[in-house]
Amino acid sequence: MKNTVFTGAGTALVTPMNPDGSVNYDAFGKNIDWQIQEGIDALIACGTTGEASTLTDEEHIEVIRYCVKRANKRVPVIAGTGSNDTLYAVELSKEAEKAGANALLQVTPYYNKTSQKGLIAHFTKIADSVNIPIILYNVPSRTAMTIAVDTYRELSKHRNIAATKEASGNIALIAEVIAACPDLDVYSGNDGEIVPIMSLGGIGVISTCANIIPKITHSIAALCLDGKYKEAAALQLKYLDLMNKLFIDVNPIPVKAAMNLMGMNVGNCRLPLCEIDEAGRAKLEAALKNAELL
């Protein structure tokens, strides 16, 4: 069996920005410390929620390096190094490994997409280039393609391909993947599906809402790992409205707005992502108040 990267809840960290648009490492460090104090099980730097697509190469690696150093081995750090350019993903992945990342998150190619055969070649090339585990990332809403079950089965044979973050929203597909790929760990990629996916055999979640409710997100996953699905479901349903409100605009616009409302001062997103409108902000504020976070 391959080594599991983590079990429980991992936070897909936002990348805080200063007013001039540069990375705010002070706020980033405070958030990392708070996440760990609240009991989160892993940290994911430079994922979708971390605005990796608008970071320069230098910023991308520095954010990963900073996260690794600040976490100081208290929890695993997973680095998002995916790309629609295989060779670029290879170079980013090598640099992230040098920076001390414990694992890599690899999204499916976007825009140019590819075939299932191309997916196997793409992920295999990246996995051959490093010596740390890889978590695949299936998010059709952003990439316009899905990893098929047979493709998962083939990729799971690779020594370095250890898991997948499943954000397809297709519970039937996820059940098939879990059944067909016993050597592949599965994480929920959607906050609203933690309990359903873990009840089928998933081992945790890579979460956006954990940016604001890390302790609660950890507790939902921990209850599932303990087989206490009824309690886990009750907790997930209690916070479901808040989870949903974090996606009323393009991620991470709402979660950054929520964090700012909570006084975390993470700044705005980089263009082309813009500030949430007033109606959206009001909905977020109401959801945060209902969850007793304001």
C-alpha atoms as a PDB file:
ATOM      1  CA  MET A   1       0.000   0.000   0.000  1.00  0.00           C
ATOM      2  CA  LYS A   2       1.074   3.567  -0.661  1.00  0.00           C
ATOM      3  CA  ASN A   3       1.549   6.048   2.141  1.00  0.00           C
ATOM      4  CA  THR A   4      -1.527   8.156   2.812  1.00  0.00           C
ATOM      5  CA  VAL A   5      -0.783  11.899   2.620  1.00  0.00           C
ATOM      6  CA  PHE A   6      -3.298  12.786   5.360  1.00  0.00           C
ATOM      7  CA  THR A   7      -6.661  11.811   6.782  1.00  0.00           C
ATOM      8  CA  GLY A   8      -9.293  14.310   7.878  1.00  0.00           C
ATOM      9  CA  ALA A   9      -9.579  17.921   6.707  1.00  0.00           C
ATOM     10  CA  GLY A  10      -7.046  19.874   4.699  1.00  0.00           C
ATOM     11  CA  THR A  11      -7.487  23.583   4.058  1.00  0.00           C
ATOM     12  CA  ALA A  12      -7.116  24.926   0.524  1.00  0.00           C
ATOM     13  CA  LEU A  13      -5.492  28.114   1.758  1.00  0.00           C
ATOM     14  CA  VAL A  14      -6.255  31.538   0.326  1.00  0.00           C
ATOM     15  CA  THR A  15      -3.246  33.621  -0.631  1.00  0.00           C
ATOM     16  CA  PRO A  16      -3.603  36.944   1.227  1.00  0.00           C
ATOM     17  CA  MET A  17      -2.837  40.086  -0.790  1.00  0.00           C
ATOM     18  CA  ASN A  18      -1.660  43.551   0.223  1.00  0.00           C
ATOM     19  CA  PRO A  19      -3.481  46.638  -1.102  1.00  0.00           C
ATOM     20  CA  ASP A  20      -0.892  46.889  -3.905  1.00  0.00           C
ATOM     21  CA  GLY A  21      -1.635  43.307  -4.972  1.00  0.00           C
ATOM     22  CA  SER A  22       1.560  41.735  -3.609  1.00  0.00           C
ATOM     23  CA  VAL A  23       1.435  38.633  -1.419  1.00  0.00           C
ATOM     24  CA  ASN A  24       0.814  39.464   2.243  1.00  0.00           C
ATOM     25  CA  TYR A  25       3.072  36.958   3.982  1.00  0.00           C
ATOM     26  CA  ASP A  26       2.327  38.349   7.448  1.00  0.00           C
ATOM     27  CA  ALA A  27      -1.388  37.552   7.087  1.00  0.00           C
ATOM     28  CA  PHE A  28      -0.519  34.238   5.436  1.00  0.00           C
ATOM     29  CA  GLY A  29       1.656  33.202   8.368  1.00  0.00           C
ATOM     30  CA  LYS A  30      -0.973  34.161  10.933  1.00  0.00           C
ATOM     31  CA  ASN A  31      -3.574  32.124   9.062  1.00  0.00           C
ATOM     32  CA  ILE A  32      -1.279  29.087   8.882  1.00  0.00           C
ATOM     33  CA  ASP A  33      -0.672  29.230  12.637  1.00  0.00           C
ATOM     34  CA  TRP A  34      -4.399  29.652  13.368  1.00  0.00           C
ATOM     35  CA  GLN A  35      -5.324  26.759  11.093  1.00  0.00           C
ATOM     36  CA  ILE A  36      -2.951  24.426  12.908  1.00  0.00           C
ATOM     37  CA  GLN A  37      -4.081  25.657  16.335  1.00  0.00           C
ATOM     38  CA  GLU A  38      -7.678  24.908  15.313  1.00  0.00           C
ATOM     39  CA  GLY A  39      -6.784  21.295  14.547  1.00  0.00           C
ATOM     40  CA  ILE A  40      -6.640  21.201  10.770  1.00  0.00           C
ATOM     41  CA  ASP A  41      -4.964  18.082   9.391  1.00  0.00           C
ATOM     42  CA  ALA A  42      -3.156  19.429   6.314  1.00  0.00           C
ATOM     43  CA  LEU A  43      -2.516  22.634   4.403  1.00  0.00           C
ATOM     44  CA  ILE A  44      -2.781  23.091   0.654  1.00  0.00           C
ATOM     45  CA  ALA A  45      -0.853  26.017  -0.822  1.00  0.00           C
ATOM     46  CA  CYS A  46      -1.316  27.389  -4.333  1.00  0.00           C
ATOM     47  CA  GLY A  47      -4.503  25.570  -5.221  1.00  0.00           C
ATOM     48  CA  THR A  48      -7.527  27.117  -6.920  1.00  0.00           C
ATOM     49  CA  THR A  49      -8.485  28.884  -3.685  1.00  0.00           C
ATOM     50  CA  GLY A  50      -4.908  30.173  -3.457  1.00  0.00           C
ATOM     51  CA  GLU A  51      -5.152  31.920  -6.850  1.00  0.00           C
ATOM     52  CA  ALA A  52      -2.203  29.954  -8.205  1.00  0.00           C
ATOM     53  CA  SER A  53      -3.083  30.862 -11.780  1.00  0.00           C
ATOM     54  CA  THR A  54      -2.258  34.549 -11.170  1.00  0.00           C
ATOM     55  CA  LEU A  55       0.921  34.039  -9.150  1.00  0.00           C
ATOM     56  CA  THR A  56       4.249  34.544 -10.899  1.00  0.00           C
ATOM     57  CA  ASP A  57       6.604  31.569 -10.933  1.00  0.00           C
ATOM     58  CA  GLU A  58       8.691  33.209  -8.207  1.00  0.00           C
ATOM     59  CA  GLU A  59       5.639  33.927  -6.046  1.00  0.00           C
ATOM     60  CA  HIS A  60       4.270  30.419  -6.575  1.00  0.00           C
ATOM     61  CA  ILE A  61       7.395  28.744  -5.237  1.00  0.00           C
ATOM     62  CA  GLU A  62       7.903  31.312  -2.472  1.00  0.00           C
ATOM     63  CA  VAL A  63       4.328  30.827  -1.192  1.00  0.00           C
ATOM     64  CA  ILE A  64       4.953  27.069  -1.043  1.00  0.00           C
ATOM     65  CA  ARG A  65       8.353  27.543   0.604  1.00  0.00           C
ATOM     66  CA  TYR A  66       6.898  29.956   3.164  1.00  0.00           C
ATOM     67  CA  CYS A  67       4.022  27.613   3.984  1.00  0.00           C
ATOM     68  CA  VAL A  68       6.400  24.694   4.496  1.00  0.00           C
ATOM     69  CA  LYS A  69       8.663  26.740   6.747  1.00  0.00           C
ATOM     70  CA  ARG A  70       5.800  28.226   8.792  1.00  0.00           C
ATOM     71  CA  ALA A  71       4.040  24.880   9.203  1.00  0.00           C
ATOM     72  CA  ASN A  72       7.379  23.502  10.435  1.00  0.00           C
ATOM     73  CA  LYS A  73       6.308  19.860  10.039  1.00  0.00           C
ATOM     74  CA  ARG A  74       3.299  20.305  12.311  1.00  0.00           C
ATOM     75  CA  VAL A  75       1.001  19.192   9.469  1.00  0.00           C
ATOM     76  CA  PRO A  76       1.661  18.041   5.890  1.00  0.00           C
ATOM     77  CA  VAL A  77       1.885  20.744   3.226  1.00  0.00           C
ATOM     78  CA  ILE A  78       0.512  19.930  -0.216  1.00  0.00           C
ATOM     79  CA  ALA A  79       1.580  22.154  -3.102  1.00  0.00           C
ATOM     80  CA  GLY A  80      -0.607  22.888  -6.091  1.00  0.00           C
ATOM     81  CA  THR A  81       1.672  22.562  -9.122  1.00  0.00           C
ATOM     82  CA  GLY A  82      -0.747  21.570 -11.852  1.00  0.00           C
ATOM     83  CA  SER A  83      -0.789  23.061 -15.334  1.00  0.00           C
ATOM     84  CA  ASN A  84      -2.140  22.460 -18.815  1.00  0.00           C
ATOM     85  CA  ASP A  85       1.496  22.395 -19.937  1.00  0.00           C
ATOM     86  CA  THR A  86       3.022  19.088 -18.846  1.00  0.00           C
ATOM     87  CA  LEU A  87       6.640  20.239 -18.908  1.00  0.00           C
ATOM     88  CA  TYR A  88       5.775  23.366 -16.916  1.00  0.00           C
ATOM     89  CA  ALA A  89       3.973  21.210 -14.337  1.00  0.00           C
ATOM     90  CA  VAL A  90       7.064  19.013 -14.118  1.00  0.00           C
ATOM     91  CA  GLU A  91       9.306  22.007 -13.411  1.00  0.00           C
ATOM     92  CA  LEU A  92       6.920  23.474 -10.822  1.00  0.00           C
ATOM     93  CA  SER A  93       6.623  20.073  -9.168  1.00  0.00           C
ATOM     94  CA  LYS A  94      10.385  19.651  -8.925  1.00  0.00           C
ATOM     95  CA  GLU A  95      10.716  23.112  -7.371  1.00  0.00           C
ATOM     96  CA  ALA A  96       7.916  22.395  -4.886  1.00  0.00           C
ATOM     97  CA  GLU A  97       9.632  19.174  -3.856  1.00  0.00           C
ATOM     98  CA  LYS A  98      12.879  21.102  -3.329  1.00  0.00           C
ATOM     99  CA  ALA A  99      10.924  23.629  -1.251  1.00  0.00           C
ATOM    100  CA  GLY A 100       9.908  20.838   1.112  1.00  0.00           C
ATOM    101  CA  ALA A 101       6.322  20.082   0.085  1.00  0.00           C
ATOM    102  CA  ASN A 102       5.051  16.741   1.378  1.00  0.00           C
ATOM    103  CA  ALA A 103       2.840  16.091  -1.646  1.00  0.00           C
ATOM    104  CA  LEU A 104       1.580  17.705  -4.847  1.00  0.00           C
ATOM    105  CA  LEU A 105      -1.916  18.547  -6.096  1.00  0.00           C
ATOM    106  CA  GLN A 106      -2.280  18.053  -9.847  1.00  0.00           C
ATOM    107  CA  VAL A 107      -5.337  19.395 -11.658  1.00  0.00           C
ATOM    108  CA  THR A 108      -6.401  18.015 -15.024  1.00  0.00           C
ATOM    109  CA  PRO A 109      -5.282  20.135 -17.995  1.00  0.00           C
ATOM    110  CA  TYR A 110      -7.670  22.963 -18.832  1.00  0.00           C
ATOM    111  CA  TYR A 111      -8.462  24.859 -22.060  1.00  0.00           C
ATOM    112  CA  ASN A 112      -6.365  22.615 -24.290  1.00  0.00           C
ATOM    113  CA  LYS A 113      -7.863  19.720 -22.253  1.00  0.00           C
ATOM    114  CA  THR A 114      -6.752  16.325 -23.598  1.00  0.00           C
ATOM    115  CA  SER A 115      -7.999  12.777 -24.102  1.00  0.00           C
ATOM    116  CA  GLN A 116      -8.042  10.096 -21.405  1.00  0.00           C
ATOM    117  CA  LYS A 117      -4.903   8.689 -23.046  1.00  0.00           C
ATOM    118  CA  GLY A 118      -3.362  12.163 -22.776  1.00  0.00           C
ATOM    119  CA  LEU A 119      -4.334  12.381 -19.111  1.00  0.00           C
ATOM    120  CA  ILE A 120      -2.482   9.159 -18.377  1.00  0.00           C
ATOM    121  CA  ALA A 121       0.611  10.410 -20.225  1.00  0.00           C
ATOM    122  CA  HIS A 122       0.427  13.847 -18.569  1.00  0.00           C
ATOM    123  CA  PHE A 123       0.102  12.637 -14.982  1.00  0.00           C
ATOM    124  CA  THR A 124       2.582   9.806 -15.493  1.00  0.00           C
ATOM    125  CA  LYS A 125       5.222  12.228 -16.799  1.00  0.00           C
ATOM    126  CA  ILE A 126       4.786  14.433 -13.730  1.00  0.00           C
ATOM    127  CA  ALA A 127       4.729  11.491 -11.307  1.00  0.00           C
ATOM    128  CA  ASP A 128       7.926  10.107 -12.861  1.00  0.00           C
ATOM    129  CA  SER A 129       9.698  13.405 -12.225  1.00  0.00           C
ATOM    130  CA  VAL A 130       9.326  13.565  -8.429  1.00  0.00           C
ATOM    131  CA  ASN A 131       9.706  11.399  -5.353  1.00  0.00           C
ATOM    132  CA  ILE A 132       6.727  12.637  -3.324  1.00  0.00           C
ATOM    133  CA  PRO A 133       3.059  11.604  -3.532  1.00  0.00           C
ATOM    134  CA  ILE A 134       0.658  13.164  -5.989  1.00  0.00           C
ATOM    135  CA  ILE A 135      -3.011  13.931  -5.384  1.00  0.00           C
ATOM    136  CA  LEU A 136      -4.938  14.162  -8.651  1.00  0.00           C
ATOM    137  CA  TYR A 137      -7.614  16.869  -8.906  1.00  0.00           C
ATOM    138  CA  ASN A 138     -10.816  16.263 -10.849  1.00  0.00           C
ATOM    139  CA  VAL A 139     -12.827  19.494 -11.188  1.00  0.00           C
ATOM    140  CA  PRO A 140     -14.818  19.466 -14.443  1.00  0.00           C
ATOM    141  CA  SER A 141     -16.546  22.781 -13.702  1.00  0.00           C
ATOM    142  CA  ARG A 142     -13.185  24.519 -14.205  1.00  0.00           C
ATOM    143  CA  THR A 143     -11.451  22.262 -16.705  1.00  0.00           C
ATOM    144  CA  ALA A 144     -14.312  20.931 -18.875  1.00  0.00           C
ATOM    145  CA  MET A 145     -13.089  17.356 -18.558  1.00  0.00           C
ATOM    146  CA  THR A 146     -13.459  14.423 -16.173  1.00  0.00           C
ATOM    147  CA  ILE A 147     -11.062  11.663 -15.171  1.00  0.00           C
ATOM    148  CA  ALA A 148     -12.728   8.395 -16.202  1.00  0.00           C
ATOM    149  CA  VAL A 149     -12.794   5.371 -13.901  1.00  0.00           C
ATOM    150  CA  ASP A 150     -10.527   3.339 -16.211  1.00  0.00           C
ATOM    151  CA  THR A 151      -8.066   6.247 -16.273  1.00  0.00           C
ATOM    152  CA  TYR A 152      -8.080   6.390 -12.484  1.00  0.00           C
ATOM    153  CA  ARG A 153      -7.495   2.638 -12.391  1.00  0.00           C
ATOM    154  CA  GLU A 154      -4.440   2.938 -14.654  1.00  0.00           C
ATOM    155  CA  LEU A 155      -2.992   5.970 -12.867  1.00  0.00           C
ATOM    156  CA  SER A 156      -3.441   4.379  -9.445  1.00  0.00           C
ATOM    157  CA  LYS A 157      -0.825   1.791 -10.428  1.00  0.00           C
ATOM    158  CA  HIS A 158       1.902   4.451 -10.330  1.00  0.00           C
ATOM    159  CA  ARG A 159       3.965   4.403  -7.160  1.00  0.00           C
ATOM    160  CA  ASN A 160       3.677   8.182  -6.687  1.00  0.00           C
ATOM    161  CA  ILE A 161      -0.009   8.677  -7.521  1.00  0.00           C
ATOM    162  CA  ALA A 162      -1.576   8.258  -4.111  1.00  0.00           C
ATOM    163  CA  ALA A 163      -4.935  10.007  -4.089  1.00  0.00           C
ATOM    164  CA  THR A 164      -7.484  12.177  -5.821  1.00  0.00           C
ATOM    165  CA  LYS A 165      -9.410  15.291  -4.868  1.00  0.00           C
ATOM    166  CA  GLU A 166     -12.851  14.643  -6.351  1.00  0.00           C
ATOM    167  CA  ALA A 167     -14.796  17.811  -7.106  1.00  0.00           C
ATOM    168  CA  SER A 168     -16.881  16.409  -9.942  1.00  0.00           C
ATOM    169  CA  GLY A 169     -20.029  16.410  -7.837  1.00  0.00           C
ATOM    170  CA  ASN A 170     -20.808  13.014  -9.359  1.00  0.00           C
ATOM    171  CA  ILE A 171     -21.311  10.730  -6.372  1.00  0.00           C
ATOM    172  CA  ALA A 172     -21.942   7.704  -8.598  1.00  0.00           C
ATOM    173  CA  LEU A 173     -18.592   8.239 -10.347  1.00  0.00           C
ATOM    174  CA  ILE A 174     -16.815   8.678  -7.026  1.00  0.00           C
ATOM    175  CA  ALA A 175     -18.339   5.448  -5.716  1.00  0.00           C
ATOM    176  CA  GLU A 176     -17.074   3.647  -8.826  1.00  0.00           C
ATOM    177  CA  VAL A 177     -13.590   5.092  -8.348  1.00  0.00           C
ATOM    178  CA  ILE A 178     -13.450   3.984  -4.719  1.00  0.00           C
ATOM    179  CA  ALA A 179     -14.644   0.513  -5.685  1.00  0.00           C
ATOM    180  CA  ALA A 180     -12.268   0.178  -8.643  1.00  0.00           C
ATOM    181  CA  CYS A 181      -9.118   1.705  -7.143  1.00  0.00           C
ATOM    182  CA  PRO A 182      -8.354   0.295  -3.686  1.00  0.00           C
ATOM    183  CA  ASP A 183      -4.835   1.813  -3.786  1.00  0.00           C
ATOM    184  CA  LEU A 184      -6.138   5.341  -4.420  1.00  0.00           C
ATOM    185  CA  ASP A 185      -7.197   7.530  -1.494  1.00  0.00           C
ATOM    186  CA  VAL A 186     -10.172   9.783  -2.209  1.00  0.00           C
ATOM    187  CA  TYR A 187     -10.779  13.245  -0.758  1.00  0.00           C
ATOM    188  CA  SER A 188     -13.944  15.239  -1.190  1.00  0.00           C
ATOM    189  CA  GLY A 189     -13.246  18.367  -3.205  1.00  0.00           C
ATOM    190  CA  ASN A 190     -16.624  19.897  -2.378  1.00  0.00           C
ATOM    191  CA  ASP A 191     -17.464  21.033   1.147  1.00  0.00           C
ATOM    192  CA  GLY A 192     -21.100  20.010   0.795  1.00  0.00           C
ATOM    193  CA  GLU A 193     -20.165  16.389   0.023  1.00  0.00           C
ATOM    194  CA  ILE A 194     -17.809  15.498   2.866  1.00  0.00           C
ATOM    195  CA  VAL A 195     -20.125  13.022   4.596  1.00  0.00           C
ATOM    196  CA  PRO A 196     -21.471  11.304   1.449  1.00  0.00           C
ATOM    197  CA  ILE A 197     -17.995  10.735   0.023  1.00  0.00           C
ATOM    198  CA  MET A 198     -16.458   9.629   3.309  1.00  0.00           C
ATOM    199  CA  SER A 199     -19.369   7.260   3.930  1.00  0.00           C
ATOM    200  CA  LEU A 200     -18.383   5.518   0.684  1.00  0.00           C
ATOM    201  CA  GLY A 201     -14.765   5.166   1.780  1.00  0.00           C
ATOM    202  CA  GLY A 202     -13.224   8.580   1.242  1.00  0.00           C
ATOM    203  CA  ILE A 203     -10.640   9.577   3.831  1.00  0.00           C
ATOM    204  CA  GLY A 204     -11.130  13.317   4.104  1.00  0.00           C
ATOM    205  CA  VAL A 205     -11.718  16.645   2.416  1.00  0.00           C
ATOM    206  CA  ILE A 206      -9.658  19.364   0.767  1.00  0.00           C
ATOM    207  CA  SER A 207     -11.755  22.292   1.837  1.00  0.00           C
ATOM    208  CA  THR A 208     -12.473  25.926   1.077  1.00  0.00           C
ATOM    209  CA  CYS A 209     -14.761  26.510   4.054  1.00  0.00           C
ATOM    210  CA  ALA A 210     -11.961  25.389   6.385  1.00  0.00           C
ATOM    211  CA  ASN A 211     -10.424  28.811   5.784  1.00  0.00           C
ATOM    212  CA  ILE A 212     -13.085  30.172   8.149  1.00  0.00           C
ATOM    213  CA  ILE A 213     -14.255  27.086  10.088  1.00  0.00           C
ATOM    214  CA  PRO A 214     -11.203  24.808  10.358  1.00  0.00           C
ATOM    215  CA  LYS A 215     -12.217  23.243  13.676  1.00  0.00           C
ATOM    216  CA  ILE A 216     -15.723  22.416  12.421  1.00  0.00           C
ATOM    217  CA  THR A 217     -14.437  21.018   9.116  1.00  0.00           C
ATOM    218  CA  HIS A 218     -11.913  18.884  10.979  1.00  0.00           C
ATOM    219  CA  SER A 219     -14.685  17.648  13.295  1.00  0.00           C
ATOM    220  CA  ILE A 220     -16.966  16.610  10.410  1.00  0.00           C
ATOM    221  CA  ALA A 221     -14.168  14.563   8.854  1.00  0.00           C
ATOM    222  CA  ALA A 222     -13.030  13.139  12.209  1.00  0.00           C
ATOM    223  CA  LEU A 223     -16.562  11.974  13.013  1.00  0.00           C
ATOM    224  CA  CYS A 224     -16.708  10.213   9.657  1.00  0.00           C
ATOM    225  CA  LEU A 225     -13.366   8.535  10.278  1.00  0.00           C
ATOM    226  CA  ASP A 226     -14.794   7.300  13.578  1.00  0.00           C
ATOM    227  CA  GLY A 227     -17.860   5.903  11.786  1.00  0.00           C
ATOM    228  CA  LYS A 228     -20.162   8.458  13.436  1.00  0.00           C
ATOM    229  CA  TYR A 229     -21.928   9.426  10.230  1.00  0.00           C
ATOM    230  CA  LYS A 230     -25.160  10.580  11.847  1.00  0.00           C
ATOM    231  CA  GLU A 231     -23.307  13.104  14.013  1.00  0.00           C
ATOM    232  CA  ALA A 232     -21.128  14.140  11.088  1.00  0.00           C
ATOM    233  CA  ALA A 233     -24.169  14.679   8.893  1.00  0.00           C
ATOM    234  CA  ALA A 234     -25.853  16.807  11.548  1.00  0.00           C
ATOM    235  CA  LEU A 235     -22.765  19.019  11.787  1.00  0.00           C
ATOM    236  CA  GLN A 236     -22.412  19.305   8.019  1.00  0.00           C
ATOM    237  CA  LEU A 237     -26.085  20.228   7.634  1.00  0.00           C
ATOM    238  CA  LYS A 238     -25.771  22.846  10.377  1.00  0.00           C
ATOM    239  CA  TYR A 239     -23.115  24.652   8.335  1.00  0.00           C
ATOM    240  CA  LEU A 240     -24.392  23.760   4.858  1.00  0.00           C
ATOM    241  CA  ASP A 241     -25.844  27.205   4.163  1.00  0.00           C
ATOM    242  CA  LEU A 242     -22.524  28.836   4.998  1.00  0.00           C
ATOM    243  CA  MET A 243     -20.663  26.327   2.822  1.00  0.00           C
ATOM    244  CA  ASN A 244     -22.998  27.086  -0.068  1.00  0.00           C
ATOM    245  CA  LYS A 245     -22.727  30.844   0.400  1.00  0.00           C
ATOM    246  CA  LEU A 246     -18.965  30.587  -0.077  1.00  0.00           C
ATOM    247  CA  PHE A 247     -19.713  29.707  -3.703  1.00  0.00           C
ATOM    248  CA  ILE A 248     -22.236  32.409  -4.619  1.00  0.00           C
ATOM    249  CA  ASP A 249     -19.467  33.934  -6.738  1.00  0.00           C
ATOM    250  CA  VAL A 250     -16.302  32.520  -8.277  1.00  0.00           C
ATOM    251  CA  ASN A 251     -14.013  30.931  -5.670  1.00  0.00           C
ATOM    252  CA  PRO A 252     -12.100  32.442  -3.833  1.00  0.00           C
ATOM    253  CA  ILE A 253     -14.008  35.754  -4.088  1.00  0.00           C
ATOM    254  CA  PRO A 254     -16.597  34.866  -1.407  1.00  0.00           C
ATOM    255  CA  VAL A 255     -14.232  33.158   1.036  1.00  0.00           C
ATOM    256  CA  LYS A 256     -11.824  36.102   0.935  1.00  0.00           C
ATOM    257  CA  ALA A 257     -14.746  38.455   1.520  1.00  0.00           C
ATOM    258  CA  ALA A 258     -15.878  36.308   4.461  1.00  0.00           C
ATOM    259  CA  MET A 259     -12.395  36.287   5.964  1.00  0.00           C
ATOM    260  CA  ASN A 260     -12.195  40.061   5.643  1.00  0.00           C
ATOM    261  CA  LEU A 261     -15.575  40.408   7.355  1.00  0.00           C
ATOM    262  CA  MET A 262     -14.153  38.260  10.164  1.00  0.00           C
ATOM    263  CA  GLY A 263     -11.151  40.589  10.518  1.00  0.00           C
ATOM    264  CA  MET A 264      -8.524  38.366   8.912  1.00  0.00           C
ATOM    265  CA  ASN A 265      -7.466  41.059   6.415  1.00  0.00           C
ATOM    266  CA  VAL A 266      -6.592  38.809   3.484  1.00  0.00           C
ATOM    267  CA  GLY A 267      -7.237  41.509   0.886  1.00  0.00           C
ATOM    268  CA  ASN A 268      -8.894  41.186  -2.490  1.00  0.00           C
ATOM    269  CA  CYS A 269      -8.365  38.715  -5.299  1.00  0.00           C
ATOM    270  CA  ARG A 270      -6.194  39.499  -8.284  1.00  0.00           C
ATOM    271  CA  LEU A 271      -7.869  40.378 -11.543  1.00  0.00           C
ATOM    272  CA  PRO A 272      -9.705  39.027 -13.429  1.00  0.00           C
ATOM    273  CA  LEU A 273     -11.410  38.081 -10.137  1.00  0.00           C
ATOM    274  CA  CYS A 274     -13.015  41.183  -8.685  1.00  0.00           C
ATOM    275  CA  GLU A 275     -14.687  42.180  -5.425  1.00  0.00           C
ATOM    276  CA  ILE A 276     -17.972  40.594  -4.461  1.00  0.00           C
ATOM    277  CA  ASP A 277     -20.992  42.848  -5.050  1.00  0.00           C
ATOM    278  CA  GLU A 278     -22.995  44.361  -2.215  1.00  0.00           C
ATOM    279  CA  ALA A 279     -25.840  41.858  -2.517  1.00  0.00           C
ATOM    280  CA  GLY A 280     -23.387  38.988  -2.254  1.00  0.00           C
ATOM    281  CA  ARG A 281     -21.607  40.598   0.667  1.00  0.00           C
ATOM    282  CA  ALA A 282     -24.919  40.986   2.505  1.00  0.00           C
ATOM    283  CA  LYS A 283     -25.734  37.290   1.966  1.00  0.00           C
ATOM    284  CA  LEU A 284     -22.299  36.296   3.229  1.00  0.00           C
ATOM    285  CA  GLU A 285     -22.599  38.521   6.267  1.00  0.00           C
ATOM    286  CA  ALA A 286     -26.008  37.023   7.109  1.00  0.00           C
ATOM    287  CA  ALA A 287     -24.642  33.486   6.760  1.00  0.00           C
ATOM    288  CA  LEU A 288     -21.657  34.291   8.978  1.00  0.00           C
ATOM    289  CA  LYS A 289     -23.974  35.764  11.619  1.00  0.00           C
ATOM    290  CA  ASN A 290     -26.236  32.708  11.468  1.00  0.00           C
ATOM    291  CA  ALA A 291     -23.157  30.546  12.025  1.00  0.00           C
ATOM    292  CA  GLU A 292     -22.172  32.775  14.961  1.00  0.00           C
ATOM    293  CA  LEU A 293     -18.925  33.786  13.288  1.00  0.00           C
ATOM    294  CA  LEU A 294     -19.736  37.499  13.436  1.00  0.00           C
END
